[in-house]
Amino acid sequence: MYSNILIPTDGSELASKAVSHGVELAKAIGAKVTILTVTLPFRVFSAEAAMIEDTPDDYTTRLAEQAEKTLGEASAVAVAAGVPVETLQVEDDRPYQAIIDTAASKGADLIIMASHGRKGISALILGSETSKVLTHCKVPVLVHR
């Protein structure tokens, strides 16, 4: 069935539930998981409050720390379940494309992701990354609600 599952996460509560579900499925079918988090590059003009409030160096440092924490927590779920895991952080303006590209480069045969992540103005402007993955990806996608 599936042998290599990609699980993108932004560290939100719903994404964490998708990680847990993905790891449980991987364990049940003997698959490995790749856990991905995508960070946005710093932009002077942005709807993200963090980019407006931070200097480029502060923003980069804070996002690296956040990515490390997100990946560490997700990886710990897989390790505790005895599931082989690889973690990856990618910087991209288009998170959905980074997810699709990572699935291709890692040979993922299934993507498991949360139905949504961001909230507020960012979600309105950027739209649903999950919807974009569903629209553009050739790999099966399991959406966790």
N, C-alpha and C. Protein backbone atom coordinates (compact mmCIF):
# COMPACT_ATOMS: atom_id res chain seq x y z
N MET A 1 0.84 -1.18 0.00
CA MET A 1 0.00 0.00 0.00
C MET A 1 0.89 1.24 0.00
N TYR A 2 1.03 1.90 1.11
CA TYR A 2 1.88 3.09 1.21
C TYR A 2 3.13 2.74 2.00
N SER A 3 4.26 3.25 1.53
CA SER A 3 5.51 2.94 2.22
C SER A 3 6.25 4.18 2.70
N ASN A 4 5.88 5.35 2.18
CA ASN A 4 6.59 6.58 2.51
C ASN A 4 5.57 7.72 2.59
N ILE A 5 5.25 8.13 3.79
CA ILE A 5 4.20 9.12 4.02
C ILE A 5 4.83 10.47 4.36
N LEU A 6 4.42 11.50 3.64
CA LEU A 6 4.84 12.87 3.94
C LEU A 6 3.77 13.52 4.81
N ILE A 7 4.23 14.10 5.92
CA ILE A 7 3.30 14.78 6.85
C ILE A 7 3.77 16.21 7.05
N PRO A 8 3.18 17.16 6.33
CA PRO A 8 3.52 18.57 6.56
C PRO A 8 2.85 19.06 7.85
N THR A 9 3.55 19.93 8.59
CA THR A 9 2.98 20.48 9.81
C THR A 9 3.46 21.90 10.02
N ASP A 10 2.57 22.72 10.57
CA ASP A 10 2.95 24.08 10.94
C ASP A 10 3.01 24.22 12.46
N GLY A 11 2.84 23.09 13.16
CA GLY A 11 2.90 23.10 14.62
C GLY A 11 1.59 23.46 15.30
N SER A 12 0.56 23.75 14.51
CA SER A 12 -0.74 24.08 15.10
C SER A 12 -1.35 22.84 15.74
N GLU A 13 -2.38 23.04 16.54
CA GLU A 13 -3.03 21.92 17.21
C GLU A 13 -3.60 20.93 16.21
N LEU A 14 -4.27 21.43 15.19
CA LEU A 14 -4.86 20.54 14.20
C LEU A 14 -3.78 19.80 13.41
N ALA A 15 -2.70 20.48 13.06
CA ALA A 15 -1.60 19.82 12.35
C ALA A 15 -0.96 18.75 13.23
N SER A 16 -0.88 18.99 14.53
CA SER A 16 -0.33 18.00 15.44
C SER A 16 -1.20 16.74 15.49
N LYS A 17 -2.50 16.93 15.39
CA LYS A 17 -3.41 15.78 15.34
C LYS A 17 -3.20 15.00 14.04
N ALA A 18 -2.95 15.72 12.95
CA ALA A 18 -2.67 15.05 11.67
C ALA A 18 -1.36 14.26 11.76
N VAL A 19 -0.37 14.82 12.45
CA VAL A 19 0.90 14.10 12.66
C VAL A 19 0.64 12.81 13.41
N SER A 20 -0.10 12.88 14.49
CA SER A 20 -0.40 11.68 15.28
C SER A 20 -1.12 10.64 14.45
N HIS A 21 -2.10 11.07 13.68
CA HIS A 21 -2.87 10.16 12.84
C HIS A 21 -1.96 9.54 11.78
N GLY A 22 -1.12 10.36 11.16
CA GLY A 22 -0.21 9.87 10.13
C GLY A 22 0.78 8.86 10.67
N VAL A 23 1.29 9.11 11.86
CA VAL A 23 2.23 8.19 12.49
C VAL A 23 1.52 6.87 12.84
N GLU A 24 0.30 6.96 13.35
CA GLU A 24 -0.46 5.74 13.65
C GLU A 24 -0.68 4.90 12.39
N LEU A 25 -1.04 5.56 11.30
CA LEU A 25 -1.24 4.85 10.04
C LEU A 25 0.06 4.23 9.56
N ALA A 26 1.14 4.99 9.62
CA ALA A 26 2.45 4.48 9.20
C ALA A 26 2.84 3.24 10.00
N LYS A 27 2.61 3.30 11.29
CA LYS A 27 2.94 2.15 12.14
C LYS A 27 2.11 0.93 11.75
N ALA A 28 0.84 1.15 11.50
CA ALA A 28 -0.06 0.04 11.18
C ALA A 28 0.31 -0.64 9.86
N ILE A 29 0.85 0.13 8.90
CA ILE A 29 1.14 -0.45 7.59
C ILE A 29 2.64 -0.64 7.34
N GLY A 30 3.46 -0.31 8.34
CA GLY A 30 4.90 -0.49 8.21
C GLY A 30 5.57 0.52 7.29
N ALA A 31 5.05 1.73 7.27
CA ALA A 31 5.62 2.79 6.42
C ALA A 31 6.57 3.67 7.22
N LYS A 32 7.37 4.42 6.52
CA LYS A 32 8.20 5.45 7.15
C LYS A 32 7.52 6.79 6.91
N VAL A 33 7.90 7.80 7.71
CA VAL A 33 7.33 9.14 7.54
C VAL A 33 8.42 10.18 7.35
N THR A 34 8.08 11.17 6.57
CA THR A 34 8.89 12.37 6.46
C THR A 34 8.02 13.50 6.97
N ILE A 35 8.50 14.19 7.98
CA ILE A 35 7.75 15.31 8.55
C ILE A 35 8.38 16.59 8.05
N LEU A 36 7.54 17.45 7.47
CA LEU A 36 7.98 18.67 6.82
C LEU A 36 7.35 19.89 7.46
N THR A 37 8.14 20.92 7.65
CA THR A 37 7.58 22.22 7.98
C THR A 37 8.13 23.22 6.98
N VAL A 38 7.26 24.11 6.52
CA VAL A 38 7.63 25.11 5.52
C VAL A 38 7.55 26.48 6.17
N THR A 39 8.64 27.23 6.04
CA THR A 39 8.66 28.60 6.57
C THR A 39 8.69 29.58 5.40
N LEU A 40 8.11 30.73 5.64
CA LEU A 40 8.08 31.78 4.62
C LEU A 40 9.33 32.64 4.72
N PRO A 41 9.93 32.99 3.60
CA PRO A 41 11.07 33.90 3.65
C PRO A 41 10.62 35.29 4.09
N PHE A 42 11.55 36.05 4.66
CA PHE A 42 11.24 37.40 5.13
C PHE A 42 10.90 38.29 3.94
N ARG A 43 9.84 39.07 4.08
CA ARG A 43 9.44 40.05 3.07
C ARG A 43 9.16 41.37 3.78
N VAL A 44 9.58 42.45 3.18
CA VAL A 44 9.33 43.77 3.76
C VAL A 44 7.83 44.08 3.75
N PHE A 45 7.16 43.75 2.66
CA PHE A 45 5.72 43.95 2.56
C PHE A 45 5.04 42.61 2.77
N SER A 46 4.26 42.53 3.86
CA SER A 46 3.68 41.25 4.22
C SER A 46 2.44 41.45 5.08
N ALA A 47 1.57 40.45 5.06
CA ALA A 47 0.41 40.42 5.96
C ALA A 47 0.75 39.73 7.27
N GLU A 48 1.92 39.11 7.34
CA GLU A 48 2.37 38.43 8.55
C GLU A 48 2.89 39.45 9.55
N ALA A 49 2.28 39.52 10.71
CA ALA A 49 2.69 40.48 11.74
C ALA A 49 4.15 40.31 12.12
N ALA A 50 4.62 39.08 12.17
CA ALA A 50 6.00 38.82 12.57
C ALA A 50 7.00 39.46 11.62
N MET A 51 6.68 39.51 10.35
CA MET A 51 7.60 40.13 9.39
C MET A 51 7.61 41.64 9.54
N ILE A 52 6.50 42.20 9.95
CA ILE A 52 6.41 43.64 10.13
C ILE A 52 7.12 44.06 11.41
N GLU A 53 7.03 43.24 12.45
CA GLU A 53 7.57 43.58 13.76
C GLU A 53 9.05 43.24 13.93
N ASP A 54 9.55 42.27 13.18
CA ASP A 54 10.92 41.79 13.35
C ASP A 54 11.88 42.38 12.33
N THR A 55 13.16 42.35 12.69
CA THR A 55 14.20 42.60 11.70
C THR A 55 14.37 41.30 10.91
N PRO A 56 14.97 41.35 9.75
CA PRO A 56 15.17 40.10 9.00
C PRO A 56 15.93 39.03 9.81
N ASP A 57 16.97 39.44 10.54
CA ASP A 57 17.73 38.46 11.33
C ASP A 57 16.89 37.88 12.46
N ASP A 58 16.13 38.74 13.17
CA ASP A 58 15.27 38.25 14.25
C ASP A 58 14.21 37.29 13.71
N TYR A 59 13.65 37.65 12.58
CA TYR A 59 12.62 36.81 11.95
C TYR A 59 13.20 35.43 11.61
N THR A 60 14.35 35.42 10.97
CA THR A 60 14.99 34.17 10.57
C THR A 60 15.32 33.31 11.78
N THR A 61 15.85 33.93 12.82
CA THR A 61 16.19 33.19 14.04
C THR A 61 14.95 32.62 14.70
N ARG A 62 13.91 33.43 14.81
CA ARG A 62 12.68 32.99 15.46
C ARG A 62 12.02 31.85 14.68
N LEU A 63 11.99 31.97 13.36
CA LEU A 63 11.40 30.91 12.56
C LEU A 63 12.20 29.62 12.61
N ALA A 64 13.52 29.73 12.65
CA ALA A 64 14.37 28.53 12.77
C ALA A 64 14.09 27.83 14.10
N GLU A 65 13.96 28.60 15.18
CA GLU A 65 13.66 28.02 16.48
C GLU A 65 12.28 27.37 16.48
N GLN A 66 11.31 28.04 15.88
CA GLN A 66 9.95 27.51 15.80
C GLN A 66 9.94 26.23 14.97
N ALA A 67 10.64 26.21 13.85
CA ALA A 67 10.69 25.02 12.99
C ALA A 67 11.34 23.86 13.74
N GLU A 68 12.43 24.14 14.45
CA GLU A 68 13.11 23.10 15.22
C GLU A 68 12.18 22.51 16.28
N LYS A 69 11.43 23.37 16.95
CA LYS A 69 10.49 22.90 17.98
C LYS A 69 9.38 22.07 17.34
N THR A 70 8.81 22.56 16.24
CA THR A 70 7.73 21.86 15.55
C THR A 70 8.19 20.49 15.08
N LEU A 71 9.35 20.44 14.45
CA LEU A 71 9.87 19.17 13.94
C LEU A 71 10.26 18.23 15.08
N GLY A 72 10.81 18.79 16.15
CA GLY A 72 11.19 17.97 17.30
C GLY A 72 9.99 17.30 17.94
N GLU A 73 8.93 18.06 18.12
CA GLU A 73 7.72 17.50 18.72
C GLU A 73 7.10 16.43 17.83
N ALA A 74 7.03 16.70 16.53
CA ALA A 74 6.45 15.74 15.60
C ALA A 74 7.32 14.49 15.49
N SER A 75 8.62 14.68 15.45
CA SER A 75 9.55 13.56 15.37
C SER A 75 9.44 12.67 16.61
N ALA A 76 9.25 13.28 17.75
CA ALA A 76 9.13 12.52 19.00
C ALA A 76 7.92 11.59 18.97
N VAL A 77 6.84 12.01 18.31
CA VAL A 77 5.65 11.17 18.17
C VAL A 77 6.01 9.91 17.38
N ALA A 78 6.73 10.10 16.28
CA ALA A 78 7.12 8.96 15.44
C ALA A 78 8.10 8.04 16.17
N VAL A 79 9.09 8.62 16.82
CA VAL A 79 10.08 7.82 17.55
C VAL A 79 9.40 7.00 18.64
N ALA A 80 8.47 7.62 19.37
CA ALA A 80 7.76 6.91 20.43
C ALA A 80 6.94 5.74 19.88
N ALA A 81 6.47 5.88 18.64
CA ALA A 81 5.69 4.82 18.03
C ALA A 81 6.56 3.78 17.32
N GLY A 82 7.86 4.04 17.26
CA GLY A 82 8.76 3.11 16.59
C GLY A 82 8.70 3.21 15.07
N VAL A 83 8.30 4.37 14.56
CA VAL A 83 8.18 4.58 13.12
C VAL A 83 9.42 5.31 12.62
N PRO A 84 10.05 4.81 11.57
CA PRO A 84 11.20 5.52 11.00
C PRO A 84 10.78 6.91 10.53
N VAL A 85 11.59 7.92 10.89
CA VAL A 85 11.19 9.30 10.61
C VAL A 85 12.37 10.10 10.10
N GLU A 86 12.08 10.98 9.17
CA GLU A 86 13.02 11.99 8.69
C GLU A 86 12.31 13.32 8.81
N THR A 87 13.04 14.35 9.22
CA THR A 87 12.44 15.68 9.32
C THR A 87 13.12 16.61 8.32
N LEU A 88 12.35 17.61 7.91
CA LEU A 88 12.85 18.53 6.90
C LEU A 88 12.18 19.88 7.06
N GLN A 89 12.98 20.94 6.99
CA GLN A 89 12.46 22.30 6.99
C GLN A 89 12.84 22.93 5.66
N VAL A 90 11.85 23.53 5.00
CA VAL A 90 12.05 24.16 3.71
C VAL A 90 11.52 25.58 3.79
N GLU A 91 12.25 26.52 3.19
CA GLU A 91 11.78 27.90 3.10
C GLU A 91 11.24 28.12 1.69
N ASP A 92 10.00 28.60 1.61
CA ASP A 92 9.38 28.81 0.31
C ASP A 92 8.23 29.80 0.44
N ASP A 93 8.07 30.65 -0.58
CA ASP A 93 6.94 31.59 -0.61
C ASP A 93 5.61 30.87 -0.80
N ARG A 94 5.66 29.69 -1.37
CA ARG A 94 4.45 28.93 -1.66
C ARG A 94 4.51 27.59 -0.94
N PRO A 95 4.02 27.54 0.29
CA PRO A 95 4.10 26.30 1.06
C PRO A 95 3.51 25.09 0.33
N TYR A 96 2.40 25.28 -0.37
CA TYR A 96 1.80 24.15 -1.06
C TYR A 96 2.77 23.56 -2.08
N GLN A 97 3.51 24.43 -2.78
CA GLN A 97 4.45 23.94 -3.79
C GLN A 97 5.63 23.23 -3.13
N ALA A 98 6.06 23.74 -1.98
CA ALA A 98 7.13 23.07 -1.24
C ALA A 98 6.69 21.68 -0.80
N ILE A 99 5.45 21.54 -0.42
CA ILE A 99 4.91 20.24 -0.02
C ILE A 99 4.91 19.29 -1.21
N ILE A 100 4.41 19.75 -2.34
CA ILE A 100 4.36 18.93 -3.55
C ILE A 100 5.76 18.55 -4.01
N ASP A 101 6.67 19.52 -4.01
CA ASP A 101 8.05 19.26 -4.43
C ASP A 101 8.74 18.26 -3.49
N THR A 102 8.49 18.40 -2.20
CA THR A 102 9.10 17.48 -1.23
C THR A 102 8.54 16.07 -1.41
N ALA A 103 7.25 15.96 -1.66
CA ALA A 103 6.66 14.65 -1.91
C ALA A 103 7.34 13.99 -3.10
N ALA A 104 7.59 14.76 -4.14
CA ALA A 104 8.25 14.21 -5.33
C ALA A 104 9.70 13.84 -5.05
N SER A 105 10.43 14.73 -4.39
CA SER A 105 11.86 14.48 -4.16
C SER A 105 12.11 13.35 -3.16
N LYS A 106 11.20 13.15 -2.24
CA LYS A 106 11.36 12.09 -1.24
C LYS A 106 10.65 10.80 -1.63
N GLY A 107 9.98 10.81 -2.76
CA GLY A 107 9.29 9.60 -3.21
C GLY A 107 8.10 9.24 -2.34
N ALA A 108 7.43 10.24 -1.78
CA ALA A 108 6.27 9.98 -0.93
C ALA A 108 5.13 9.44 -1.78
N ASP A 109 4.43 8.45 -1.26
CA ASP A 109 3.29 7.90 -1.98
C ASP A 109 1.96 8.26 -1.31
N LEU A 110 2.02 9.06 -0.25
CA LEU A 110 0.83 9.58 0.42
C LEU A 110 1.23 10.82 1.20
N ILE A 111 0.36 11.82 1.17
CA ILE A 111 0.53 13.02 2.00
C ILE A 111 -0.63 13.04 2.99
N ILE A 112 -0.31 13.23 4.24
CA ILE A 112 -1.35 13.39 5.26
C ILE A 112 -1.17 14.77 5.86
N MET A 113 -2.23 15.58 5.77
CA MET A 113 -2.11 16.94 6.29
C MET A 113 -3.44 17.41 6.89
N ALA A 114 -3.33 18.42 7.73
CA ALA A 114 -4.50 19.00 8.38
C ALA A 114 -5.35 19.75 7.35
N SER A 115 -6.63 19.87 7.65
CA SER A 115 -7.53 20.57 6.73
C SER A 115 -7.21 22.06 6.63
N HIS A 116 -6.62 22.60 7.67
CA HIS A 116 -6.22 24.01 7.64
C HIS A 116 -5.22 24.27 8.76
N GLY A 117 -4.51 25.39 8.65
CA GLY A 117 -3.52 25.71 9.66
C GLY A 117 -3.65 27.15 10.11
N ARG A 118 -3.21 28.07 9.28
CA ARG A 118 -3.23 29.48 9.64
C ARG A 118 -4.62 29.99 9.91
N LYS A 119 -4.67 31.07 10.69
CA LYS A 119 -5.93 31.71 11.00
C LYS A 119 -5.82 33.20 10.71
N GLY A 120 -6.94 33.88 10.73
CA GLY A 120 -6.94 35.33 10.59
C GLY A 120 -6.65 35.81 9.18
N ILE A 121 -6.05 36.99 9.10
CA ILE A 121 -5.82 37.64 7.82
C ILE A 121 -4.91 36.82 6.91
N SER A 122 -3.95 36.13 7.47
CA SER A 122 -3.05 35.31 6.66
C SER A 122 -3.82 34.24 5.90
N ALA A 123 -4.79 33.62 6.55
CA ALA A 123 -5.58 32.58 5.89
C ALA A 123 -6.41 33.18 4.76
N LEU A 124 -6.95 34.37 4.99
CA LEU A 124 -7.75 35.01 3.95
C LEU A 124 -6.92 35.37 2.73
N ILE A 125 -5.73 35.89 2.96
CA ILE A 125 -4.88 36.32 1.86
C ILE A 125 -4.22 35.13 1.17
N LEU A 126 -3.69 34.22 1.93
CA LEU A 126 -2.95 33.10 1.35
C LEU A 126 -3.85 31.96 0.90
N GLY A 127 -5.03 31.85 1.48
CA GLY A 127 -5.91 30.74 1.14
C GLY A 127 -5.44 29.47 1.82
N SER A 128 -6.13 28.41 1.56
CA SER A 128 -5.82 27.15 2.19
C SER A 128 -4.71 26.42 1.44
N GLU A 129 -3.60 26.18 2.12
CA GLU A 129 -2.51 25.43 1.52
C GLU A 129 -2.97 24.01 1.21
N THR A 130 -3.83 23.47 2.05
CA THR A 130 -4.35 22.12 1.82
C THR A 130 -5.14 22.08 0.52
N SER A 131 -5.99 23.06 0.29
CA SER A 131 -6.76 23.10 -0.96
C SER A 131 -5.84 23.18 -2.17
N LYS A 132 -4.77 23.95 -2.04
CA LYS A 132 -3.83 24.08 -3.15
C LYS A 132 -3.09 22.77 -3.40
N VAL A 133 -2.72 22.07 -2.33
CA VAL A 133 -2.07 20.77 -2.50
C VAL A 133 -3.03 19.81 -3.18
N LEU A 134 -4.28 19.78 -2.73
CA LEU A 134 -5.28 18.90 -3.33
C LEU A 134 -5.48 19.20 -4.81
N THR A 135 -5.45 20.47 -5.16
CA THR A 135 -5.69 20.89 -6.54
C THR A 135 -4.52 20.56 -7.47
N HIS A 136 -3.29 20.67 -6.97
CA HIS A 136 -2.11 20.58 -7.84
C HIS A 136 -1.30 19.29 -7.71
N CYS A 137 -1.55 18.50 -6.71
CA CYS A 137 -0.70 17.33 -6.43
C CYS A 137 -1.20 16.07 -7.12
N LYS A 138 -0.26 15.26 -7.56
CA LYS A 138 -0.60 13.98 -8.19
C LYS A 138 -0.53 12.82 -7.20
N VAL A 139 0.02 13.09 -6.01
CA VAL A 139 0.12 12.07 -4.97
C VAL A 139 -1.17 12.08 -4.16
N PRO A 140 -1.69 10.91 -3.74
CA PRO A 140 -2.87 10.90 -2.91
C PRO A 140 -2.67 11.72 -1.63
N VAL A 141 -3.73 12.42 -1.22
CA VAL A 141 -3.69 13.27 -0.04
C VAL A 141 -4.81 12.87 0.89
N LEU A 142 -4.47 12.56 2.13
CA LEU A 142 -5.45 12.29 3.16
C LEU A 142 -5.54 13.55 4.01
N VAL A 143 -6.72 14.12 4.10
CA VAL A 143 -6.93 15.36 4.85
C VAL A 143 -7.52 15.01 6.21
N HIS A 144 -6.83 15.47 7.26
CA HIS A 144 -7.27 15.20 8.63
C HIS A 144 -8.02 16.41 9.16
N ARG A 145 -9.20 16.19 9.72
CA ARG A 145 -10.02 17.28 10.28
C ARG A 145 -9.97 17.23 11.79
